[in-house]
N, C-alpha and C. Protein backbone atom coordinates (compact mmCIF):
# COMPACT_ATOMS: atom_id res chain seq x y z
N UNK A 1 128.49 117.85 90.08
CA UNK A 1 128.10 117.72 91.17
C UNK A 1 126.96 118.54 92.38
N UNK A 2 126.10 118.87 91.10
CA UNK A 2 124.88 119.50 91.14
C UNK A 2 123.67 118.20 91.46
N UNK A 3 124.12 117.27 90.45
CA UNK A 3 123.27 116.32 90.62
C UNK A 3 123.80 115.50 91.88
N UNK A 4 124.94 115.36 93.02
CA UNK A 4 124.88 114.52 93.50
C UNK A 4 124.19 115.20 95.05
N UNK A 5 124.25 116.32 94.86
CA UNK A 5 123.63 117.58 95.68
C UNK A 5 122.12 116.88 95.84
N UNK A 6 121.85 117.30 94.67
CA UNK A 6 120.42 117.12 94.56
C UNK A 6 119.80 115.79 95.14
N UNK A 7 120.70 114.40 94.75
CA UNK A 7 120.50 113.44 95.13
C UNK A 7 120.94 112.70 96.64
N UNK A 8 121.34 113.86 97.51
CA UNK A 8 121.42 113.72 98.50
C UNK A 8 120.39 114.36 99.52
N UNK A 9 119.90 115.41 98.73
CA UNK A 9 118.84 115.88 99.19
C UNK A 9 116.96 115.17 99.31
N UNK A 10 116.69 114.36 97.83
CA UNK A 10 116.33 113.46 97.52
C UNK A 10 116.26 112.44 99.09
N UNK A 11 117.71 112.11 99.47
CA UNK A 11 117.86 111.01 99.95
C UNK A 11 116.88 111.85 101.62
N UNK A 12 117.44 113.12 102.22
CA UNK A 12 117.52 113.52 103.01
C UNK A 12 115.65 113.92 103.17
N UNK A 13 115.17 114.07 102.31
CA UNK A 13 113.76 114.35 102.65
C UNK A 13 112.91 112.73 102.48
N UNK A 14 113.63 111.35 102.17
CA UNK A 14 112.87 110.47 102.22
C UNK A 14 113.05 110.14 103.76
N UNK A 15 114.35 110.44 104.45
CA UNK A 15 114.65 109.72 105.70
C UNK A 15 113.55 110.74 106.17
N UNK A 16 113.67 112.13 106.07
CA UNK A 16 112.93 112.83 106.85
C UNK A 16 111.44 112.51 106.98
N UNK A 17 111.05 111.58 106.51
CA UNK A 17 109.07 110.83 106.59
C UNK A 17 109.46 109.95 106.89
N UNK A 18 110.42 109.29 107.56
CA UNK A 18 110.63 108.49 108.78
C UNK A 18 110.14 108.35 109.88
N UNK A 19 108.85 107.86 111.19
CA UNK A 19 108.50 108.22 111.87
C UNK A 19 109.04 107.79 113.10
N UNK A 20 109.84 107.37 114.22
CA UNK A 20 110.65 107.34 114.55
C UNK A 20 110.91 107.83 116.30
N UNK A 21 111.85 107.24 116.84
CA UNK A 21 112.42 108.13 118.33
C UNK A 21 112.51 109.54 118.30
N UNK A 22 112.93 109.69 116.96
CA UNK A 22 113.85 110.91 117.16
C UNK A 22 112.61 112.17 116.89
N UNK A 23 111.03 111.96 116.02
CA UNK A 23 110.50 112.64 115.52
C UNK A 23 109.76 113.08 116.73
N UNK A 24 109.20 111.75 117.85
CA UNK A 24 108.78 112.00 118.98
C UNK A 24 109.47 112.78 119.94
N UNK A 25 110.75 112.62 119.93
CA UNK A 25 111.28 113.52 121.16
C UNK A 25 111.42 115.20 120.43
N UNK A 26 111.88 115.34 119.40
CA UNK A 26 111.48 116.41 118.83
C UNK A 26 110.31 117.21 119.11
N UNK A 27 109.60 116.59 118.72
CA UNK A 27 107.94 117.17 118.93
C UNK A 27 107.79 117.47 120.46
N UNK A 28 108.32 116.55 121.68
CA UNK A 28 107.75 116.49 122.70
C UNK A 28 108.69 117.77 123.37
N UNK A 29 110.08 117.78 122.74
CA UNK A 29 111.12 118.78 123.27
C UNK A 29 110.21 119.58 123.42
N UNK A 30 109.99 120.21 121.58
CA UNK A 30 109.55 121.33 121.56
C UNK A 30 108.48 122.04 122.32
N UNK A 31 107.20 121.13 122.12
CA UNK A 31 106.29 121.82 123.15
C UNK A 31 106.06 121.92 124.68
N UNK A 32 107.43 120.94 125.08
CA UNK A 32 107.30 121.28 126.96
C UNK A 32 108.60 122.21 127.02
N UNK A 33 109.22 122.20 126.51
CA UNK A 33 110.86 123.06 126.28
C UNK A 33 110.82 124.05 125.45
N UNK A 34 110.35 124.21 124.51
CA UNK A 34 111.13 125.19 123.74
C UNK A 34 111.62 125.20 122.32
N UNK A 35 111.98 125.90 121.57
CA UNK A 35 112.52 125.69 120.29
C UNK A 35 113.76 125.63 120.32
N UNK A 36 114.04 126.36 121.38
CA UNK A 36 115.81 126.83 121.50
C UNK A 36 116.88 125.02 121.91
N UNK A 37 115.78 124.61 123.24
CA UNK A 37 115.82 123.08 123.19
C UNK A 37 116.01 121.86 122.70
N UNK A 38 114.59 121.95 121.30
CA UNK A 38 114.35 120.95 120.43
C UNK A 38 116.15 121.20 119.43
N UNK A 39 116.23 122.69 119.31
CA UNK A 39 117.08 122.82 118.30
C UNK A 39 118.34 122.70 118.20
N UNK A 40 118.57 121.74 119.51
CA UNK A 40 120.24 121.66 120.22
C UNK A 40 119.73 120.35 119.87
N UNK A 41 118.94 119.67 120.47
CA UNK A 41 118.58 117.99 120.46
C UNK A 41 118.52 117.48 118.76
N UNK A 42 118.27 118.70 117.39
CA UNK A 42 118.59 118.04 116.23
C UNK A 42 119.52 118.73 115.89
N UNK A 43 120.27 119.35 116.92
CA UNK A 43 121.59 119.41 116.94
C UNK A 43 122.45 118.09 116.59
N UNK A 44 122.09 117.32 118.26
CA UNK A 44 122.62 116.49 118.44
C UNK A 44 122.90 115.32 117.63
N UNK A 45 121.46 114.88 116.92
CA UNK A 45 121.12 114.01 116.03
C UNK A 45 121.81 114.05 114.29
N UNK A 46 122.14 115.37 114.01
CA UNK A 46 123.06 115.79 113.31
C UNK A 46 124.70 115.40 113.45
N UNK A 47 124.82 115.64 114.87
CA UNK A 47 126.05 115.32 115.28
C UNK A 47 126.57 113.36 115.80
N UNK A 48 125.48 112.84 115.69
CA UNK A 48 125.55 111.44 115.55
C UNK A 48 125.62 111.19 114.25
N UNK A 49 124.46 111.40 113.89
CA UNK A 49 125.11 111.30 111.83
C UNK A 49 126.02 111.44 111.15
N UNK A 50 126.48 112.34 111.65
CA UNK A 50 127.89 112.98 110.89
C UNK A 50 129.07 111.76 111.55
N UNK A 51 129.41 111.46 112.98
CA UNK A 51 129.93 110.47 113.30
C UNK A 51 129.49 109.27 112.78
N UNK A 52 128.74 109.25 112.73
CA UNK A 52 128.65 107.41 111.27
C UNK A 52 128.81 107.18 110.33
N UNK A 53 129.01 108.92 109.50
CA UNK A 53 129.15 108.88 108.13
C UNK A 53 130.81 108.63 108.34
N UNK A 54 131.66 109.48 109.39
CA UNK A 54 133.23 108.87 108.61
C UNK A 54 133.55 108.17 109.31
N UNK A 55 132.93 107.11 110.09
CA UNK A 55 133.05 105.43 110.62
C UNK A 55 132.84 104.95 108.87
N UNK A 56 131.92 104.74 108.62
CA UNK A 56 131.19 103.81 107.53
C UNK A 56 132.08 104.32 106.20
N UNK A 57 131.66 105.53 105.90
CA UNK A 57 132.69 106.01 104.66
C UNK A 57 133.91 105.30 104.73
N UNK A 58 134.98 105.79 105.74
CA UNK A 58 136.40 105.57 105.88
C UNK A 58 136.54 104.39 105.99
N UNK A 59 135.61 103.45 107.16
CA UNK A 59 136.01 102.23 106.77
C UNK A 59 135.62 101.40 105.69
N UNK A 60 134.94 101.77 105.09
CA UNK A 60 134.63 100.80 103.77
C UNK A 60 135.68 101.75 102.82
N UNK A 61 135.99 102.74 102.84
CA UNK A 61 137.23 102.85 101.82
C UNK A 61 138.37 102.40 102.39
N UNK A 62 138.95 101.96 103.20
CA UNK A 62 139.66 101.18 103.41
C UNK A 62 139.80 99.97 103.13
N UNK A 63 138.34 99.13 103.00
CA UNK A 63 138.59 97.73 102.47
C UNK A 63 138.20 97.65 101.39
N UNK A 64 138.04 98.55 100.30
CA UNK A 64 137.56 98.71 99.11
C UNK A 64 138.90 98.15 98.48
N UNK A 65 140.06 98.21 98.65
CA UNK A 65 141.35 97.35 98.25
C UNK A 65 141.84 96.35 98.31
N UNK A 66 140.36 95.06 98.89
CA UNK A 66 140.31 93.68 99.09
C UNK A 66 139.69 93.12 97.89
N UNK A 67 140.23 92.16 97.38
CA UNK A 67 139.40 91.62 96.05
C UNK A 67 138.09 90.98 96.40
N UNK A 68 137.43 91.21 95.40
CA UNK A 68 135.82 90.94 95.52
C UNK A 68 135.22 91.63 96.57
N UNK A 69 135.31 92.58 97.50
CA UNK A 69 135.23 93.36 98.31
C UNK A 69 134.23 94.84 97.95
N UNK A 70 134.24 94.80 96.39
CA UNK A 70 133.05 95.46 96.24
C UNK A 70 132.10 95.22 95.82
N UNK A 71 131.90 94.10 95.00
CA UNK A 71 130.65 93.60 94.72
C UNK A 71 130.16 92.99 95.97
N UNK A 72 130.96 92.39 96.97
CA UNK A 72 129.96 91.87 97.97
C UNK A 72 129.69 93.48 99.12
N UNK A 73 130.23 94.40 99.07
CA UNK A 73 129.61 95.89 99.56
C UNK A 73 128.14 95.94 98.77
N UNK A 74 128.20 96.11 97.47
CA UNK A 74 127.13 96.39 96.94
C UNK A 74 125.95 95.61 97.17
N UNK A 75 126.42 94.13 96.96
CA UNK A 75 125.04 93.06 97.60
C UNK A 75 124.72 93.66 99.14
N UNK A 76 125.60 93.34 100.24
CA UNK A 76 125.12 93.56 101.58
C UNK A 76 124.70 94.83 101.85
N UNK A 77 125.11 95.65 100.67
CA UNK A 77 124.31 97.52 101.26
C UNK A 77 123.08 97.20 100.71
N UNK A 78 122.45 96.79 99.66
CA UNK A 78 121.59 96.61 98.93
C UNK A 78 120.14 95.59 99.92
N UNK A 79 121.10 94.81 100.17
CA UNK A 79 119.75 93.76 101.09
C UNK A 79 119.70 94.61 102.53
N UNK A 80 120.74 95.53 103.14
CA UNK A 80 120.35 96.52 104.42
C UNK A 80 119.45 97.13 103.85
N UNK A 81 119.46 97.82 102.64
CA UNK A 81 118.45 98.53 102.53
C UNK A 81 117.13 98.40 102.14
N UNK A 82 116.87 96.46 101.34
CA UNK A 82 115.56 96.56 101.32
C UNK A 82 115.12 96.11 102.74
N UNK A 83 116.11 95.35 103.46
CA UNK A 83 115.70 94.72 104.73
C UNK A 83 115.01 95.75 105.82
N UNK A 84 115.74 96.99 105.42
CA UNK A 84 115.36 98.43 106.40
C UNK A 84 113.98 98.53 105.70
N UNK A 85 114.03 98.63 104.43
CA UNK A 85 112.01 99.53 103.57
C UNK A 85 111.74 98.28 104.12
N UNK A 86 111.29 96.84 104.19
CA UNK A 86 110.72 95.91 104.11
C UNK A 86 110.52 96.00 105.83
N UNK A 87 111.05 96.89 106.28
CA UNK A 87 110.50 97.23 107.94
C UNK A 87 109.62 97.94 108.72
N UNK A 88 109.69 98.55 107.65
CA UNK A 88 108.76 100.07 107.74
C UNK A 88 107.47 99.36 107.00
N UNK A 89 107.68 98.45 105.90
CA UNK A 89 106.15 97.57 106.13
C UNK A 89 105.13 97.64 107.01
N UNK A 90 106.22 96.77 107.18
CA UNK A 90 105.67 95.43 108.35
C UNK A 90 105.42 96.34 109.84
N UNK A 91 105.93 97.79 109.96
CA UNK A 91 105.55 98.12 111.61
C UNK A 91 104.59 98.49 111.36
N UNK A 92 104.28 97.93 112.65
CA UNK A 92 103.34 98.46 113.76
C UNK A 92 102.77 100.00 114.14
N UNK A 93 101.85 100.58 113.73
CA UNK A 93 101.63 102.45 114.23
C UNK A 93 100.37 101.83 115.22
N UNK A 94 100.67 102.04 116.66
CA UNK A 94 99.46 102.60 117.31
C UNK A 94 98.98 103.60 117.37
N UNK A 95 97.35 103.64 117.58
CA UNK A 95 96.76 104.69 118.01
C UNK A 95 97.58 106.06 118.78
N UNK A 96 98.00 105.52 119.84
CA UNK A 96 98.53 106.41 120.61
C UNK A 96 100.01 106.18 121.04
N UNK A 97 100.55 106.82 120.06
CA UNK A 97 102.31 105.85 120.67
C UNK A 97 102.71 107.05 121.31
N UNK A 98 103.06 106.42 122.73
CA UNK A 98 103.62 107.71 123.73
C UNK A 98 105.01 107.86 123.39
N UNK A 99 105.07 109.40 123.42
CA UNK A 99 106.06 110.47 122.86
C UNK A 99 107.34 110.19 123.53
N UNK A 100 108.69 110.51 123.00
CA UNK A 100 110.07 109.65 123.95
C UNK A 100 109.91 111.20 124.83
N UNK A 101 110.51 110.56 125.91
CA UNK A 101 110.50 111.54 127.44
C UNK A 101 112.11 112.19 127.38
N UNK A 102 111.76 113.61 127.48
CA UNK A 102 113.18 114.29 127.39
C UNK A 102 113.27 115.03 128.56
N UNK A 103 113.91 114.90 129.81
CA UNK A 103 113.57 115.26 130.97
C UNK A 103 114.30 117.19 130.39
N UNK A 104 114.02 117.93 131.68
CA UNK A 104 114.54 119.25 131.22
C UNK A 104 115.50 119.43 131.42
N UNK A 105 116.54 120.44 131.19
CA UNK A 105 117.51 120.69 131.33
C UNK A 105 118.68 121.75 130.75
N UNK A 106 119.93 122.06 131.01
CA UNK A 106 120.81 122.58 129.66
C UNK A 106 120.51 122.44 128.52
N UNK A 107 120.80 123.31 127.49
CA UNK A 107 120.83 122.75 126.20
C UNK A 107 121.98 121.84 125.97
N UNK A 108 122.93 121.59 126.48
CA UNK A 108 124.07 120.95 126.32
C UNK A 108 123.24 119.44 126.96
N UNK A 109 122.48 118.84 127.66
CA UNK A 109 121.86 117.99 128.06
C UNK A 109 121.17 117.51 126.66
N UNK A 110 120.41 118.26 126.01
CA UNK A 110 119.48 118.29 125.00
C UNK A 110 120.21 117.86 123.84
N UNK A 111 121.15 118.49 123.49
CA UNK A 111 122.15 117.88 122.79
C UNK A 111 122.82 116.60 122.77
N UNK A 112 123.11 116.06 124.13
CA UNK A 112 123.61 115.16 123.90
C UNK A 112 122.70 113.77 124.30
N UNK A 113 121.04 114.06 124.41
CA UNK A 113 120.23 113.19 124.57
C UNK A 113 119.83 113.03 123.27
N UNK A 114 119.93 113.85 122.19
CA UNK A 114 119.61 113.56 120.82
C UNK A 114 120.64 113.17 120.56
N UNK A 115 121.77 113.21 120.13
CA UNK A 115 122.88 111.94 120.13
C UNK A 115 122.57 110.91 120.33
N UNK A 116 121.90 110.54 122.05
CA UNK A 116 121.96 109.04 122.30
C UNK A 116 120.94 108.52 121.95
N UNK A 117 120.12 109.26 121.34
CA UNK A 117 118.32 108.77 121.01
C UNK A 117 118.82 108.34 119.52
N UNK A 118 119.60 108.92 118.80
CA UNK A 118 119.88 108.31 117.54
C UNK A 118 120.77 107.62 117.15
N UNK A 119 122.17 107.33 118.16
CA UNK A 119 123.26 106.65 118.11
C UNK A 119 123.15 105.29 118.62
N UNK A 120 122.61 105.22 119.53
CA UNK A 120 121.94 103.71 120.12
C UNK A 120 121.06 103.13 118.89
N UNK A 121 120.28 104.15 118.54
CA UNK A 121 119.39 103.04 116.83
C UNK A 121 120.29 102.01 116.01
N UNK A 122 120.41 101.27 116.64
CA UNK A 122 121.38 100.21 115.51
C UNK A 122 120.90 100.46 113.58
N UNK A 123 119.43 100.34 113.87
CA UNK A 123 119.17 101.10 112.24
C UNK A 123 119.59 101.97 111.69
N UNK A 124 120.17 103.17 112.31
CA UNK A 124 120.60 104.35 111.61
C UNK A 124 122.19 103.74 111.22
N UNK A 125 122.68 103.36 112.28
CA UNK A 125 124.22 102.94 112.12
C UNK A 125 124.30 102.01 110.45
N UNK A 126 122.98 101.07 110.46
CA UNK A 126 122.88 99.91 109.31
C UNK A 126 122.95 100.98 108.23
N UNK A 127 122.08 102.15 108.20
CA UNK A 127 121.36 102.72 107.45
C UNK A 127 122.71 103.41 106.85
N UNK A 128 123.73 103.91 107.81
CA UNK A 128 124.75 104.99 106.89
C UNK A 128 125.42 103.98 106.31
N UNK A 129 125.90 102.37 106.92
CA UNK A 129 126.59 101.36 106.34
C UNK A 129 126.26 101.40 104.63
N UNK A 130 125.19 101.77 104.31
CA UNK A 130 124.36 101.21 103.22
C UNK A 130 124.58 102.10 102.29
N UNK A 131 124.53 103.44 102.94
CA UNK A 131 124.87 105.04 101.79
C UNK A 131 126.20 104.68 101.98
N UNK A 132 126.97 104.64 102.54
CA UNK A 132 128.58 104.84 102.17
C UNK A 132 128.73 103.61 101.23
N UNK A 133 128.14 102.25 101.44
CA UNK A 133 128.25 101.49 100.45
C UNK A 133 128.04 101.96 98.85
N UNK A 134 126.57 102.60 98.72
CA UNK A 134 125.97 103.34 97.32
C UNK A 134 127.19 104.46 97.03
N UNK A 135 127.97 105.16 97.96
CA UNK A 135 128.79 106.35 97.57
C UNK A 135 129.81 105.75 96.72
N UNK A 136 130.39 104.27 97.36
CA UNK A 136 131.52 103.72 97.08
C UNK A 136 131.52 103.04 95.93
N UNK A 137 130.46 102.52 95.54
CA UNK A 137 129.90 102.04 93.66
C UNK A 137 129.38 103.35 92.63
N UNK A 138 130.20 104.44 93.18
CA UNK A 138 130.01 105.68 92.27
C UNK A 138 131.76 106.35 91.89
N UNK A 139 132.08 105.10 90.96
CA UNK A 139 133.34 105.68 90.50
C UNK A 139 133.52 106.86 90.00
N UNK A 140 132.46 107.70 89.48
CA UNK A 140 132.37 108.63 89.10
C UNK A 140 132.65 110.07 89.86
N UNK A 141 131.87 109.92 90.90
CA UNK A 141 132.23 110.43 92.43
C UNK A 141 133.79 110.74 92.91
N UNK A 142 133.94 111.61 93.21
CA UNK A 142 135.41 112.12 93.51
C UNK A 142 135.06 112.87 94.80
N UNK A 143 135.68 113.32 95.38
CA UNK A 143 135.93 113.89 96.65
C UNK A 143 134.67 115.46 96.65
N UNK A 144 134.93 116.36 95.70
CA UNK A 144 133.66 117.03 96.14
C UNK A 144 132.37 116.86 96.12
N UNK A 145 131.62 116.03 94.89
CA UNK A 145 130.94 115.00 94.62
C UNK A 145 130.27 114.55 95.94
N UNK A 146 131.50 113.41 96.95
CA UNK A 146 130.93 112.99 97.99
C UNK A 146 130.47 113.63 99.03
N UNK A 147 131.36 114.67 98.68
CA UNK A 147 131.31 115.85 100.17
C UNK A 147 129.30 116.60 99.52
N UNK A 148 129.48 116.92 98.76
CA UNK A 148 128.20 117.29 97.99
C UNK A 148 126.58 116.48 98.77
N UNK A 149 127.45 115.29 98.18
CA UNK A 149 126.41 114.63 98.65
C UNK A 149 125.69 114.61 99.96
N UNK A 150 126.62 114.23 100.87
CA UNK A 150 126.57 114.04 102.13
C UNK A 150 126.54 115.68 102.57
N UNK A 151 126.51 116.50 102.76
CA UNK A 151 125.91 117.78 103.14
C UNK A 151 124.96 118.07 102.58
N UNK A 152 124.24 117.51 100.97
CA UNK A 152 123.02 117.93 100.78
C UNK A 152 121.74 116.83 102.06
N UNK A 153 122.48 115.43 102.22
CA UNK A 153 121.80 115.07 103.09
C UNK A 153 121.51 115.20 104.31
N UNK A 154 122.90 115.34 104.67
CA UNK A 154 122.76 116.03 106.15
C UNK A 154 122.08 116.87 106.71
N UNK A 155 122.24 118.37 105.33
CA UNK A 155 121.55 119.56 106.17
C UNK A 155 120.27 119.46 106.07
N UNK A 156 119.44 118.51 104.70
CA UNK A 156 118.38 118.32 104.45
C UNK A 156 117.54 118.26 105.45
N UNK A 157 117.90 116.79 105.98
CA UNK A 157 117.92 116.44 107.44
C UNK A 157 117.51 117.46 108.69
N UNK A 158 118.52 117.89 108.77
CA UNK A 158 118.15 118.86 110.39
C UNK A 158 117.66 119.79 110.19
N UNK A 159 117.57 120.53 108.55
CA UNK A 159 116.73 121.13 108.47
C UNK A 159 115.11 121.29 108.73
N UNK A 160 114.99 119.84 108.27
CA UNK A 160 113.55 119.18 108.82
C UNK A 160 113.29 118.83 109.68
N UNK A 161 114.46 118.77 110.08
CA UNK A 161 114.33 118.39 111.91
C UNK A 161 113.58 119.62 112.60
N UNK A 162 114.26 120.60 112.31
CA UNK A 162 113.92 122.02 112.92
C UNK A 162 112.95 122.65 112.76
N UNK A 163 112.09 122.03 111.30
CA UNK A 163 110.66 122.55 110.61
C UNK A 163 109.71 121.42 111.80
N UNK A 164 109.90 119.93 112.12
CA UNK A 164 109.15 119.26 112.95
C UNK A 164 109.22 120.05 113.61
N UNK A 165 110.35 120.74 114.66
CA UNK A 165 110.21 120.60 115.99
C UNK A 165 109.54 122.57 115.87
N UNK A 166 109.79 123.13 115.25
CA UNK A 166 108.65 124.25 115.24
C UNK A 166 107.42 124.19 114.64
N UNK A 167 106.83 122.94 114.01
CA UNK A 167 105.50 123.09 113.77
C UNK A 167 105.34 121.94 114.65
N UNK A 168 106.02 121.66 115.87
CA UNK A 168 105.25 120.14 116.90
C UNK A 168 104.08 120.12 117.64
N UNK A 169 103.37 121.34 117.76
CA UNK A 169 102.59 121.17 118.32
C UNK A 169 101.39 120.68 116.91
N UNK A 170 101.20 121.32 115.93
CA UNK A 170 100.36 120.82 114.76
C UNK A 170 100.40 119.56 114.44
N UNK A 171 101.78 119.25 114.30
CA UNK A 171 101.65 117.22 113.84
C UNK A 171 101.56 116.47 114.72
N UNK A 172 101.51 116.76 115.69
CA UNK A 172 100.53 116.01 116.74
C UNK A 172 99.05 115.77 116.64
N UNK A 173 98.72 117.13 116.20
CA UNK A 173 97.11 116.77 115.61
C UNK A 173 97.08 116.37 114.23
N UNK A 174 97.90 116.65 113.29
CA UNK A 174 97.37 115.91 111.82
C UNK A 174 98.06 114.71 111.81
N UNK A 175 98.99 113.97 112.75
CA UNK A 175 100.01 112.40 112.24
C UNK A 175 98.84 111.73 112.75
N UNK A 176 98.22 111.16 112.26
CA UNK A 176 97.06 110.07 112.22
C UNK A 176 97.28 109.12 111.85
N UNK A 177 96.85 108.12 112.82
CA UNK A 177 97.09 106.84 112.19
C UNK A 177 97.73 106.27 110.94
N UNK A 178 96.42 106.62 110.08
CA UNK A 178 96.38 106.13 108.58
C UNK A 178 97.73 107.07 107.75
N UNK A 179 97.92 109.08 107.89
CA UNK A 179 98.97 109.14 107.31
C UNK A 179 100.07 108.56 108.18
N UNK A 180 100.52 108.23 109.57
CA UNK A 180 101.56 107.34 109.65
C UNK A 180 101.63 106.17 108.72
N UNK A 181 101.06 105.63 108.53
CA UNK A 181 100.98 104.16 107.99
C UNK A 181 101.34 104.93 106.46
N UNK A 182 100.83 105.90 105.84
CA UNK A 182 101.02 105.96 104.66
C UNK A 182 102.44 106.27 104.24
N UNK A 183 102.55 107.18 105.22
CA UNK A 183 104.26 107.85 105.52
C UNK A 183 105.39 106.67 105.51
N UNK A 184 104.89 105.87 106.32
CA UNK A 184 105.69 104.62 106.52
C UNK A 184 106.04 103.54 105.57
N UNK A 185 104.87 103.32 104.55
CA UNK A 185 104.92 102.94 103.59
C UNK A 185 105.32 103.70 101.98
N UNK A 186 105.30 104.75 102.19
CA UNK A 186 105.96 105.91 100.81
C UNK A 186 107.76 105.51 101.32
N UNK A 187 108.59 105.36 102.62
CA UNK A 187 109.43 105.34 103.09
C UNK A 187 110.12 104.27 102.86
N UNK A 188 109.28 102.68 102.82
CA UNK A 188 109.75 101.35 102.73
C UNK A 188 110.07 101.31 101.21
N UNK A 189 109.09 101.97 100.45
CA UNK A 189 109.03 101.28 99.05
C UNK A 189 110.31 102.01 98.59
N UNK A 190 110.66 103.61 98.79
CA UNK A 190 111.73 103.84 98.29
C UNK A 190 113.22 103.88 98.54
N UNK A 191 113.16 103.21 100.11
CA UNK A 191 114.54 102.57 100.82
C UNK A 191 114.77 100.74 100.09
N UNK A 192 113.04 100.36 99.77
CA UNK A 192 113.41 98.91 98.74
C UNK A 192 114.20 99.37 97.56
N UNK A 193 113.49 100.45 96.72
CA UNK A 193 114.14 101.18 95.41
C UNK A 193 115.46 101.40 95.65
N UNK A 194 116.23 101.82 96.50
CA UNK A 194 117.16 102.08 96.19
C UNK A 194 118.11 101.19 96.50
N UNK A 195 117.69 100.11 97.62
CA UNK A 195 118.42 98.87 97.70
C UNK A 195 118.41 97.96 96.43
N UNK A 196 117.73 97.75 95.57
CA UNK A 196 117.45 97.07 94.78
C UNK A 196 118.24 97.53 93.54
N UNK A 197 118.46 99.18 93.45
CA UNK A 197 119.43 99.80 92.43
C UNK A 197 120.65 99.42 93.07
N UNK A 198 120.77 99.46 93.54
CA UNK A 198 122.27 99.80 94.50
C UNK A 198 122.97 98.09 94.23
N UNK A 199 121.90 96.99 94.31
CA UNK A 199 122.42 95.80 93.82
C UNK A 199 122.50 95.48 92.65
N UNK A 200 121.39 96.41 91.38
CA UNK A 200 121.61 95.83 90.18
C UNK A 200 122.78 97.05 89.75
N UNK A 201 123.41 98.18 90.29
CA UNK A 201 124.80 98.56 89.86
C UNK A 201 125.78 97.76 90.30
N UNK A 202 125.96 96.68 91.12
CA UNK A 202 127.00 96.15 91.36
C UNK A 202 127.03 95.08 90.20
N UNK A 203 125.63 94.34 89.19
CA UNK A 203 126.21 93.90 88.93
C UNK A 203 126.19 93.82 87.25
N UNK A 204 126.32 95.75 87.23
CA UNK A 204 125.69 96.13 85.76
C UNK A 204 127.07 96.49 85.32
N UNK A 205 127.56 96.45 84.16
CA UNK A 205 128.65 96.45 83.65
C UNK A 205 129.09 98.17 83.94
């Protein structure tokens, strides 16, 4: 179980290097409305990820009984991850990317905005679909290992999101174009690695 948790933490740290709408929403909310609002926005992101996990994992678990579905799932999940990795290689980084606008309001509204910003991104669904595929290809993982993996992954993402919000002002100063390009390249390489590894595990004995 310890290995599964550590693998989840590693994946969470990888996801946290990605620069996207959630990143700018957290920074903007923290700077303009305070840490409390940003924390509830991060909680909304956490909740949408949790919903995607339930949908993708249990949906795939039901379909695992179909013949040849496991191999097809491994190939499809690996291809999705490689495609997402290549997307980060090719993603253009603008010198002054506009921050994600988040309107002022009660913490409940910040929660819903975080849920929506993350939930409407189709790449988020594709990512969790590929993660569910990877978990399904680990027959040695039982209930505790699967829960430990997802818990390590989600908690790591949530804590790093809170850290981003806490360091909002500093991050806007140090997040240069070159640094953002480097982070995207690192994320792209690692996501491609996990995708290739998934395809390899699908065909290996």
